[in-house]
């Protein structure tokens, strides 16, 4: 089964720290847990029309959460990818208005 680019890239991560990195052409996304670095790079290139230089990934642990007096539950584990673009690549316009 061929996975589509939008199945690999789930959503952008919009945080203060990730927005500072956009100046260095480094963007952060939540990605599918099964996706590898090559698939992530191809998906970003396909969706945004940019050239990817490097991909770093992290497996993030889900946090423990409580709802009142009920026993604690747990948020799902997820995978984060930091994508660095090449120096001659254009920027991703989606992040431009966020900074």
PDB file of N, CA and C in Angstrom:
ATOM      1  N   UNK A   1       0.842  -1.187   0.000  1.00  0.00           N
ATOM      2  CA  UNK A   1       0.000   0.000   0.000  1.00  0.00           C
ATOM      3  C   UNK A   1       0.886   1.247   0.000  1.00  0.00           C
ATOM      4  N   UNK A   2       0.684   2.104  -0.964  1.00  0.00           N
ATOM      5  CA  UNK A   2       1.466   3.338  -1.057  1.00  0.00           C
ATOM      6  C   UNK A   2       0.856   4.395  -0.141  1.00  0.00           C
ATOM      7  N   UNK A   3       1.686   4.971   0.721  1.00  0.00           N
ATOM      8  CA  UNK A   3       1.192   6.014   1.613  1.00  0.00           C
ATOM      9  C   UNK A   3       1.285   7.366   0.919  1.00  0.00           C
ATOM     10  N   UNK A   4       0.316   8.198   1.170  1.00  0.00           N
ATOM     11  CA  UNK A   4       0.296   9.529   0.584  1.00  0.00           C
ATOM     12  C   UNK A   4       1.069  10.495   1.483  1.00  0.00           C
ATOM     13  N   UNK A   5       1.501  11.595   0.907  1.00  0.00           N
ATOM     14  CA  UNK A   5       2.289  12.584   1.645  1.00  0.00           C
ATOM     15  C   UNK A   5       1.509  13.142   2.827  1.00  0.00           C
ATOM     16  N   UNK A   6       0.198  13.323   2.651  1.00  0.00           N
ATOM     17  CA  UNK A   6      -0.625  13.884   3.727  1.00  0.00           C
ATOM     18  C   UNK A   6      -0.893  12.874   4.843  1.00  0.00           C
ATOM     19  N   UNK A   7      -0.656  11.579   4.588  1.00  0.00           N
ATOM     20  CA  UNK A   7      -0.747  10.570   5.651  1.00  0.00           C
ATOM     21  C   UNK A   7       0.520  10.585   6.505  1.00  0.00           C
ATOM     22  N   UNK A   8       1.643  10.980   5.922  1.00  0.00           N
ATOM     23  CA  UNK A   8       2.921  11.016   6.644  1.00  0.00           C
ATOM     24  C   UNK A   8       3.021  12.293   7.474  1.00  0.00           C
ATOM     25  N   UNK A   9       2.766  13.461   6.858  1.00  0.00           N
ATOM     26  CA  UNK A   9       2.828  14.740   7.564  1.00  0.00           C
ATOM     27  C   UNK A   9       1.442  15.017   8.138  1.00  0.00           C
ATOM     28  N   UNK A  10       1.319  14.949   9.479  1.00  0.00           N
ATOM     29  CA  UNK A  10       0.004  15.140  10.112  1.00  0.00           C
ATOM     30  C   UNK A  10      -0.310  16.608  10.352  1.00  0.00           C
ATOM     31  N   UNK A  11       0.618  17.355  10.996  1.00  0.00           N
ATOM     32  CA  UNK A  11       0.356  18.767  11.285  1.00  0.00           C
ATOM     33  C   UNK A  11       1.662  19.459  11.607  1.00  0.00           C
ATOM     34  N   UNK A  12       1.724  20.779  11.411  1.00  0.00           N
ATOM     35  CA  UNK A  12       2.908  21.533  11.835  1.00  0.00           C
ATOM     36  C   UNK A  12       2.877  21.749  13.344  1.00  0.00           C
ATOM     37  N   UNK A  13       4.039  21.845  13.964  1.00  0.00           N
ATOM     38  CA  UNK A  13       4.157  22.141  15.388  1.00  0.00           C
ATOM     39  C   UNK A  13       4.435  23.648  15.499  1.00  0.00           C
ATOM     40  N   UNK A  14       3.494  24.388  16.093  1.00  0.00           N
ATOM     41  CA  UNK A  14       3.616  25.837  16.214  1.00  0.00           C
ATOM     42  C   UNK A  14       3.917  26.162  17.679  1.00  0.00           C
ATOM     43  N   UNK A  15       5.189  26.332  17.993  1.00  0.00           N
ATOM     44  CA  UNK A  15       5.602  26.719  19.340  1.00  0.00           C
ATOM     45  C   UNK A  15       6.599  27.865  19.220  1.00  0.00           C
ATOM     46  N   UNK A  16       6.878  28.491  20.332  1.00  0.00           N
ATOM     47  CA  UNK A  16       7.829  29.600  20.329  1.00  0.00           C
ATOM     48  C   UNK A  16       9.206  29.127  19.846  1.00  0.00           C
ATOM     49  N   UNK A  17       9.615  27.992  20.329  1.00  0.00           N
ATOM     50  CA  UNK A  17      10.927  27.456  19.962  1.00  0.00           C
ATOM     51  C   UNK A  17      10.981  27.080  18.477  1.00  0.00           C
ATOM     52  N   UNK A  18       9.935  26.445  17.963  1.00  0.00           N
ATOM     53  CA  UNK A  18       9.944  26.044  16.558  1.00  0.00           C
ATOM     54  C   UNK A  18       9.858  27.256  15.626  1.00  0.00           C
ATOM     55  N   UNK A  19       9.199  28.324  16.061  1.00  0.00           N
ATOM     56  CA  UNK A  19       9.102  29.532  15.230  1.00  0.00           C
ATOM     57  C   UNK A  19      10.444  30.247  15.121  1.00  0.00           C
ATOM     58  N   UNK A  20      11.257  30.198  16.176  1.00  0.00           N
ATOM     59  CA  UNK A  20      12.609  30.785  16.109  1.00  0.00           C
ATOM     60  C   UNK A  20      13.466  30.048  15.094  1.00  0.00           C
ATOM     61  N   UNK A  21      13.248  28.752  14.936  1.00  0.00           N
ATOM     62  CA  UNK A  21      14.045  27.937  14.023  1.00  0.00           C
ATOM     63  C   UNK A  21      13.702  28.188  12.556  1.00  0.00           C
ATOM     64  N   UNK A  22      12.529  28.785  12.273  1.00  0.00           N
ATOM     65  CA  UNK A  22      12.150  29.017  10.881  1.00  0.00           C
ATOM     66  C   UNK A  22      13.096  29.989  10.182  1.00  0.00           C
ATOM     67  N   UNK A  23      13.759  30.863  10.946  1.00  0.00           N
ATOM     68  CA  UNK A  23      14.732  31.784  10.349  1.00  0.00           C
ATOM     69  C   UNK A  23      15.919  31.029   9.754  1.00  0.00           C
ATOM     70  N   UNK A  24      16.209  29.845  10.298  1.00  0.00           N
ATOM     71  CA  UNK A  24      17.302  29.012   9.791  1.00  0.00           C
ATOM     72  C   UNK A  24      16.785  27.942   8.826  1.00  0.00           C
ATOM     73  N   UNK A  25      15.557  28.159   8.300  1.00  0.00           N
ATOM     74  CA  UNK A  25      14.897  27.220   7.383  1.00  0.00           C
ATOM     75  C   UNK A  25      14.755  25.836   8.008  1.00  0.00           C
ATOM     76  N   UNK A  26      14.337  25.818   9.274  1.00  0.00           N
ATOM     77  CA  UNK A  26      14.111  24.561   9.977  1.00  0.00           C
ATOM     78  C   UNK A  26      12.671  24.534  10.466  1.00  0.00           C
ATOM     79  N   UNK A  27      11.907  23.539  10.037  1.00  0.00           N
ATOM     80  CA  UNK A  27      10.474  23.470  10.326  1.00  0.00           C
ATOM     81  C   UNK A  27      10.165  22.171  11.069  1.00  0.00           C
ATOM     82  N   UNK A  28       9.165  22.230  11.959  1.00  0.00           N
ATOM     83  CA  UNK A  28       8.835  21.100  12.809  1.00  0.00           C
ATOM     84  C   UNK A  28       7.426  20.600  12.494  1.00  0.00           C
ATOM     85  N   UNK A  29       7.281  19.272  12.384  1.00  0.00           N
ATOM     86  CA  UNK A  29       5.998  18.657  12.056  1.00  0.00           C
ATOM     87  C   UNK A  29       5.743  17.454  12.951  1.00  0.00           C
ATOM     88  N   UNK A  30       4.452  17.163  13.183  1.00  0.00           N
ATOM     89  CA  UNK A  30       4.076  15.869  13.742  1.00  0.00           C
ATOM     90  C   UNK A  30       3.902  14.938  12.550  1.00  0.00           C
ATOM     91  N   UNK A  31       4.507  13.758  12.631  1.00  0.00           N
ATOM     92  CA  UNK A  31       4.477  12.819  11.507  1.00  0.00           C
ATOM     93  C   UNK A  31       3.958  11.459  11.969  1.00  0.00           C
ATOM     94  N   UNK A  32       3.682  10.590  11.010  1.00  0.00           N
ATOM     95  CA  UNK A  32       3.219   9.241  11.319  1.00  0.00           C
ATOM     96  C   UNK A  32       4.320   8.480  12.055  1.00  0.00           C
ATOM     97  N   UNK A  33       3.935   7.671  13.045  1.00  0.00           N
ATOM     98  CA  UNK A  33       4.921   6.947  13.851  1.00  0.00           C
ATOM     99  C   UNK A  33       5.734   5.954  13.020  1.00  0.00           C
ATOM    100  N   UNK A  34       5.151   5.453  11.944  1.00  0.00           N
ATOM    101  CA  UNK A  34       5.834   4.440  11.132  1.00  0.00           C
ATOM    102  C   UNK A  34       6.714   5.046  10.045  1.00  0.00           C
ATOM    103  N   UNK A  35       6.642   6.366   9.848  1.00  0.00           N
ATOM    104  CA  UNK A  35       7.387   7.022   8.761  1.00  0.00           C
ATOM    105  C   UNK A  35       8.876   7.115   9.097  1.00  0.00           C
ATOM    106  N   UNK A  36       9.722   6.887   8.077  1.00  0.00           N
ATOM    107  CA  UNK A  36      11.163   7.053   8.276  1.00  0.00           C
ATOM    108  C   UNK A  36      11.616   8.389   7.680  1.00  0.00           C
ATOM    109  N   UNK A  37      12.879   8.724   7.843  1.00  0.00           N
ATOM    110  CA  UNK A  37      13.389  10.039   7.440  1.00  0.00           C
ATOM    111  C   UNK A  37      13.271  10.273   5.936  1.00  0.00           C
ATOM    112  N   UNK A  38      13.495   9.240   5.141  1.00  0.00           N
ATOM    113  CA  UNK A  38      13.418   9.378   3.684  1.00  0.00           C
ATOM    114  C   UNK A  38      11.985   9.677   3.258  1.00  0.00           C
ATOM    115  N   UNK A  39      11.022   8.958   3.835  1.00  0.00           N
ATOM    116  CA  UNK A  39       9.610   9.198   3.514  1.00  0.00           C
ATOM    117  C   UNK A  39       9.174  10.591   3.936  1.00  0.00           C
ATOM    118  N   UNK A  40       9.642  11.045   5.103  1.00  0.00           N
ATOM    119  CA  UNK A  40       9.291  12.383   5.594  1.00  0.00           C
ATOM    120  C   UNK A  40       9.844  13.450   4.653  1.00  0.00           C
ATOM    121  N   UNK A  41      11.094  13.302   4.234  1.00  0.00           N
ATOM    122  CA  UNK A  41      11.718  14.274   3.323  1.00  0.00           C
ATOM    123  C   UNK A  41      10.958  14.344   2.001  1.00  0.00           C
ATOM    124  N   UNK A  42      10.598  13.198   1.439  1.00  0.00           N
ATOM    125  CA  UNK A  42       9.861  13.175   0.163  1.00  0.00           C
ATOM    126  C   UNK A  42       8.483  13.807   0.313  1.00  0.00           C
ATOM    127  N   UNK A  43       7.822  13.553   1.449  1.00  0.00           N
ATOM    128  CA  UNK A  43       6.486  14.109   1.677  1.00  0.00           C
ATOM    129  C   UNK A  43       6.532  15.632   1.788  1.00  0.00           C
ATOM    130  N   UNK A  44       7.519  16.177   2.516  1.00  0.00           N
ATOM    131  CA  UNK A  44       7.648  17.632   2.651  1.00  0.00           C
ATOM    132  C   UNK A  44       7.964  18.264   1.297  1.00  0.00           C
ATOM    133  N   UNK A  45       8.837  17.643   0.521  1.00  0.00           N
ATOM    134  CA  UNK A  45       9.171  18.164  -0.802  1.00  0.00           C
ATOM    135  C   UNK A  45       7.944  18.164  -1.711  1.00  0.00           C
ATOM    136  N   UNK A  46       7.133  17.108  -1.625  1.00  0.00           N
ATOM    137  CA  UNK A  46       5.936  17.000  -2.470  1.00  0.00           C
ATOM    138  C   UNK A  46       4.871  18.019  -2.070  1.00  0.00           C
ATOM    139  N   UNK A  47       4.623  18.170  -0.778  1.00  0.00           N
ATOM    140  CA  UNK A  47       3.546  19.053  -0.309  1.00  0.00           C
ATOM    141  C   UNK A  47       3.906  20.526  -0.505  1.00  0.00           C
ATOM    142  N   UNK A  48       5.116  20.921  -0.117  1.00  0.00           N
ATOM    143  CA  UNK A  48       5.482  22.339  -0.095  1.00  0.00           C
ATOM    144  C   UNK A  48       6.344  22.779  -1.272  1.00  0.00           C
ATOM    145  N   UNK A  49       6.848  21.846  -2.088  1.00  0.00           N
ATOM    146  CA  UNK A  49       7.670  22.195  -3.242  1.00  0.00           C
ATOM    147  C   UNK A  49       8.999  22.811  -2.858  1.00  0.00           C
ATOM    148  N   UNK A  50       9.675  22.238  -1.858  1.00  0.00           N
ATOM    149  CA  UNK A  50      10.969  22.733  -1.383  1.00  0.00           C
ATOM    150  C   UNK A  50      12.001  21.616  -1.476  1.00  0.00           C
ATOM    151  N   UNK A  51      13.287  21.965  -1.213  1.00  0.00           N
ATOM    152  CA  UNK A  51      14.356  20.964  -1.192  1.00  0.00           C
ATOM    153  C   UNK A  51      14.772  20.724   0.258  1.00  0.00           C
ATOM    154  N   UNK A  52      14.745  19.466   0.690  1.00  0.00           N
ATOM    155  CA  UNK A  52      15.083  19.110   2.066  1.00  0.00           C
ATOM    156  C   UNK A  52      16.550  18.697   2.134  1.00  0.00           C
ATOM    157  N   UNK A  53      17.285  19.291   3.093  1.00  0.00           N
ATOM    158  CA  UNK A  53      18.688  18.944   3.294  1.00  0.00           C
ATOM    159  C   UNK A  53      18.833  17.846   4.345  1.00  0.00           C
ATOM    160  N   UNK A  54      18.042  17.943   5.437  1.00  0.00           N
ATOM    161  CA  UNK A  54      18.234  17.037   6.561  1.00  0.00           C
ATOM    162  C   UNK A  54      16.929  16.866   7.322  1.00  0.00           C
ATOM    163  N   UNK A  55      16.740  15.678   7.904  1.00  0.00           N
ATOM    164  CA  UNK A  55      15.570  15.395   8.739  1.00  0.00           C
ATOM    165  C   UNK A  55      16.042  14.773  10.051  1.00  0.00           C
ATOM    166  N   UNK A  56      15.603  15.354  11.177  1.00  0.00           N
ATOM    167  CA  UNK A  56      15.844  14.769  12.498  1.00  0.00           C
ATOM    168  C   UNK A  56      14.494  14.339  13.057  1.00  0.00           C
ATOM    169  N   UNK A  57      14.449  13.175  13.707  1.00  0.00           N
ATOM    170  CA  UNK A  57      13.179  12.691  14.264  1.00  0.00           C
ATOM    171  C   UNK A  57      13.319  12.373  15.739  1.00  0.00           C
ATOM    172  N   UNK A  58      12.193  12.501  16.462  1.00  0.00           N
ATOM    173  CA  UNK A  58      12.118  12.159  17.878  1.00  0.00           C
ATOM    174  C   UNK A  58      10.816  11.422  18.129  1.00  0.00           C
ATOM    175  N   UNK A  59      10.865  10.370  18.953  1.00  0.00           N
ATOM    176  CA  UNK A  59       9.643   9.735  19.422  1.00  0.00           C
ATOM    177  C   UNK A  59       9.264  10.397  20.732  1.00  0.00           C
ATOM    178  N   UNK A  60       8.097  11.041  20.763  1.00  0.00           N
ATOM    179  CA  UNK A  60       7.638  11.773  21.935  1.00  0.00           C
ATOM    180  C   UNK A  60       6.722  10.879  22.770  1.00  0.00           C
ATOM    181  N   UNK A  61       6.953  10.864  24.080  1.00  0.00           N
ATOM    182  CA  UNK A  61       6.121  10.080  24.985  1.00  0.00           C
ATOM    183  C   UNK A  61       4.845  10.850  25.307  1.00  0.00           C
ATOM    184  N   UNK A  62       3.717  10.161  25.348  1.00  0.00           N
ATOM    185  CA  UNK A  62       2.450  10.784  25.712  1.00  0.00           C
ATOM    186  C   UNK A  62       2.443  11.135  27.191  1.00  0.00           C
ATOM    187  N   UNK A  63       1.804  12.246  27.527  1.00  0.00           N
ATOM    188  CA  UNK A  63       1.773  12.697  28.923  1.00  0.00           C
ATOM    189  C   UNK A  63       0.656  12.008  29.697  1.00  0.00           C
ATOM    190  N   UNK A  64       0.858  11.878  31.005  1.00  0.00           N
ATOM    191  CA  UNK A  64      -0.193  11.397  31.891  1.00  0.00           C
ATOM    192  C   UNK A  64      -1.171  12.548  32.120  1.00  0.00           C
ATOM    193  N   UNK A  65      -2.465  12.264  32.072  1.00  0.00           N
ATOM    194  CA  UNK A  65      -3.496  13.294  32.257  1.00  0.00           C
ATOM    195  C   UNK A  65      -4.560  12.775  33.199  1.00  0.00           C
ATOM    196  N   UNK A  66      -5.137  13.696  34.001  1.00  0.00           N
ATOM    197  CA  UNK A  66      -6.217  13.349  34.918  1.00  0.00           C
ATOM    198  C   UNK A  66      -7.448  14.174  34.595  1.00  0.00           C
ATOM    199  N   UNK A  67      -8.596  13.586  34.849  1.00  0.00           N
ATOM    200  CA  UNK A  67      -9.869  14.287  34.724  1.00  0.00           C
ATOM    201  C   UNK A  67     -10.561  14.220  36.077  1.00  0.00           C
ATOM    202  N   UNK A  68     -10.317  15.191  36.930  1.00  0.00           N
ATOM    203  CA  UNK A  68     -10.935  15.207  38.252  1.00  0.00           C
ATOM    204  C   UNK A  68     -10.453  14.056  39.106  1.00  0.00           C
ATOM    205  N   UNK A  69     -11.381  13.333  39.718  1.00  0.00           N
ATOM    206  CA  UNK A  69     -11.032  12.265  40.645  1.00  0.00           C
ATOM    207  C   UNK A  69     -10.843  10.925  39.947  1.00  0.00           C
ATOM    208  N   UNK A  70     -11.101  10.878  38.658  1.00  0.00           N
ATOM    209  CA  UNK A  70     -10.952   9.608  37.936  1.00  0.00           C
ATOM    210  C   UNK A  70      -9.485   9.186  37.905  1.00  0.00           C
ATOM    211  N   UNK A  71      -9.233   7.904  37.676  1.00  0.00           N
ATOM    212  CA  UNK A  71      -7.831   7.474  37.540  1.00  0.00           C
ATOM    213  C   UNK A  71      -7.165   8.157  36.334  1.00  0.00           C
ATOM    214  N   UNK A  72      -5.875   8.298  36.425  1.00  0.00           N
ATOM    215  CA  UNK A  72      -5.125   9.005  35.378  1.00  0.00           C
ATOM    216  C   UNK A  72      -5.190   8.227  34.071  1.00  0.00           C
ATOM    217  N   UNK A  73      -5.283   8.977  32.975  1.00  0.00           N
ATOM    218  CA  UNK A  73      -5.217   8.405  31.638  1.00  0.00           C
ATOM    219  C   UNK A  73      -3.896   8.805  30.998  1.00  0.00           C
ATOM    220  N   UNK A  74      -3.756   8.494  29.744  1.00  0.00           N
ATOM    221  CA  UNK A  74      -2.503   8.797  29.070  1.00  0.00           C
ATOM    222  C   UNK A  74      -2.785   9.281  27.657  1.00  0.00           C
ATOM    223  N   UNK A  75      -2.104  10.353  27.251  1.00  0.00           N
ATOM    224  CA  UNK A  75      -2.168  10.798  25.864  1.00  0.00           C
ATOM    225  C   UNK A  75      -1.327   9.862  25.012  1.00  0.00           C
ATOM    226  N   UNK A  76      -1.646   9.804  23.737  1.00  0.00           N
ATOM    227  CA  UNK A  76      -0.955   8.892  22.825  1.00  0.00           C
ATOM    228  C   UNK A  76       0.492   9.341  22.597  1.00  0.00           C
ATOM    229  N   UNK A  77       1.385   8.369  22.358  1.00  0.00           N
ATOM    230  CA  UNK A  77       2.750   8.668  21.945  1.00  0.00           C
ATOM    231  C   UNK A  77       2.699   9.161  20.496  1.00  0.00           C
ATOM    232  N   UNK A  78       3.664  10.012  20.100  1.00  0.00           N
ATOM    233  CA  UNK A  78       3.690  10.536  18.741  1.00  0.00           C
ATOM    234  C   UNK A  78       5.117  10.788  18.302  1.00  0.00           C
ATOM    235  N   UNK A  79       5.277  11.076  17.025  1.00  0.00           N
ATOM    236  CA  UNK A  79       6.610  11.272  16.454  1.00  0.00           C
ATOM    237  C   UNK A  79       6.731  12.689  15.912  1.00  0.00           C
ATOM    238  N   UNK A  80       7.872  13.323  16.192  1.00  0.00           N
ATOM    239  CA  UNK A  80       8.141  14.693  15.766  1.00  0.00           C
ATOM    240  C   UNK A  80       9.314  14.677  14.802  1.00  0.00           C
ATOM    241  N   UNK A  81       9.221  15.493  13.744  1.00  0.00           N
ATOM    242  CA  UNK A  81      10.305  15.599  12.767  1.00  0.00           C
ATOM    243  C   UNK A  81      10.689  17.060  12.593  1.00  0.00           C
ATOM    244  N   UNK A  82      12.002  17.342  12.682  1.00  0.00           N
ATOM    245  CA  UNK A  82      12.532  18.660  12.385  1.00  0.00           C
ATOM    246  C   UNK A  82      13.192  18.583  11.005  1.00  0.00           C
ATOM    247  N   UNK A  83      12.658  19.355  10.064  1.00  0.00           N
ATOM    248  CA  UNK A  83      13.105  19.298   8.673  1.00  0.00           C
ATOM    249  C   UNK A  83      13.913  20.553   8.373  1.00  0.00           C
ATOM    250  N   UNK A  84      15.156  20.375   7.924  1.00  0.00           N
ATOM    251  CA  UNK A  84      16.016  21.495   7.533  1.00  0.00           C
ATOM    252  C   UNK A  84      16.046  21.562   6.010  1.00  0.00           C
ATOM    253  N   UNK A  85      15.794  22.750   5.469  1.00  0.00           N
ATOM    254  CA  UNK A  85      15.804  22.941   4.024  1.00  0.00           C
ATOM    255  C   UNK A  85      17.196  23.353   3.554  1.00  0.00           C
ATOM    256  N   UNK A  86      17.460  23.168   2.260  1.00  0.00           N
ATOM    257  CA  UNK A  86      18.743  23.585   1.702  1.00  0.00           C
ATOM    258  C   UNK A  86      18.801  25.110   1.658  1.00  0.00           C
ATOM    259  N   UNK A  87      20.013  25.656   1.561  1.00  0.00           N
ATOM    260  CA  UNK A  87      20.213  27.113   1.574  1.00  0.00           C
ATOM    261  C   UNK A  87      19.556  27.785   0.375  1.00  0.00           C
ATOM    262  N   UNK A  88      19.535  27.114  -0.786  1.00  0.00           N
ATOM    263  CA  UNK A  88      18.961  27.720  -1.988  1.00  0.00           C
ATOM    264  C   UNK A  88      17.467  27.434  -2.139  1.00  0.00           C
ATOM    265  N   UNK A  89      16.876  26.693  -1.225  1.00  0.00           N
ATOM    266  CA  UNK A  89      15.450  26.369  -1.290  1.00  0.00           C
ATOM    267  C   UNK A  89      14.604  27.550  -0.841  1.00  0.00           C
ATOM    268  N   UNK A  90      13.381  27.620  -1.382  1.00  0.00           N
ATOM    269  CA  UNK A  90      12.468  28.666  -0.920  1.00  0.00           C
ATOM    270  C   UNK A  90      11.908  28.283   0.451  1.00  0.00           C
ATOM    271  N   UNK A  91      11.339  29.273   1.154  1.00  0.00           N
ATOM    272  CA  UNK A  91      10.784  29.000   2.485  1.00  0.00           C
ATOM    273  C   UNK A  91       9.376  28.427   2.344  1.00  0.00           C
ATOM    274  N   UNK A  92       8.856  27.876   3.441  1.00  0.00           N
ATOM    275  CA  UNK A  92       7.481  27.375   3.469  1.00  0.00           C
ATOM    276  C   UNK A  92       6.594  28.542   3.880  1.00  0.00           C
ATOM    277  N   UNK A  93       5.689  28.961   2.990  1.00  0.00           N
ATOM    278  CA  UNK A  93       4.875  30.152   3.224  1.00  0.00           C
ATOM    279  C   UNK A  93       3.905  29.979   4.379  1.00  0.00           C
ATOM    280  N   UNK A  94       3.522  28.733   4.679  1.00  0.00           N
ATOM    281  CA  UNK A  94       2.555  28.463   5.755  1.00  0.00           C
ATOM    282  C   UNK A  94       3.012  29.071   7.078  1.00  0.00           C
ATOM    283  N   UNK A  95       4.309  29.053   7.333  1.00  0.00           N
ATOM    284  CA  UNK A  95       4.861  29.520   8.613  1.00  0.00           C
ATOM    285  C   UNK A  95       5.134  31.029   8.632  1.00  0.00           C
ATOM    286  N   UNK A  96       5.052  31.694   7.489  1.00  0.00           N
ATOM    287  CA  UNK A  96       5.481  33.087   7.386  1.00  0.00           C
ATOM    288  C   UNK A  96       4.703  34.025   8.305  1.00  0.00           C
ATOM    289  N   UNK A  97       3.382  33.913   8.362  1.00  0.00           N
ATOM    290  CA  UNK A  97       2.572  34.837   9.145  1.00  0.00           C
ATOM    291  C   UNK A  97       2.577  34.535  10.634  1.00  0.00           C
ATOM    292  N   UNK A  98       3.177  33.437  11.051  1.00  0.00           N
ATOM    293  CA  UNK A  98       3.142  33.011  12.448  1.00  0.00           C
ATOM    294  C   UNK A  98       4.166  33.724  13.319  1.00  0.00           C
ATOM    295  N   UNK A  99       5.268  34.163  12.724  1.00  0.00           N
ATOM    296  CA  UNK A  99       6.382  34.692  13.513  1.00  0.00           C
ATOM    297  C   UNK A  99       6.067  36.061  14.068  1.00  0.00           C
TER     298      UNK A  99
END
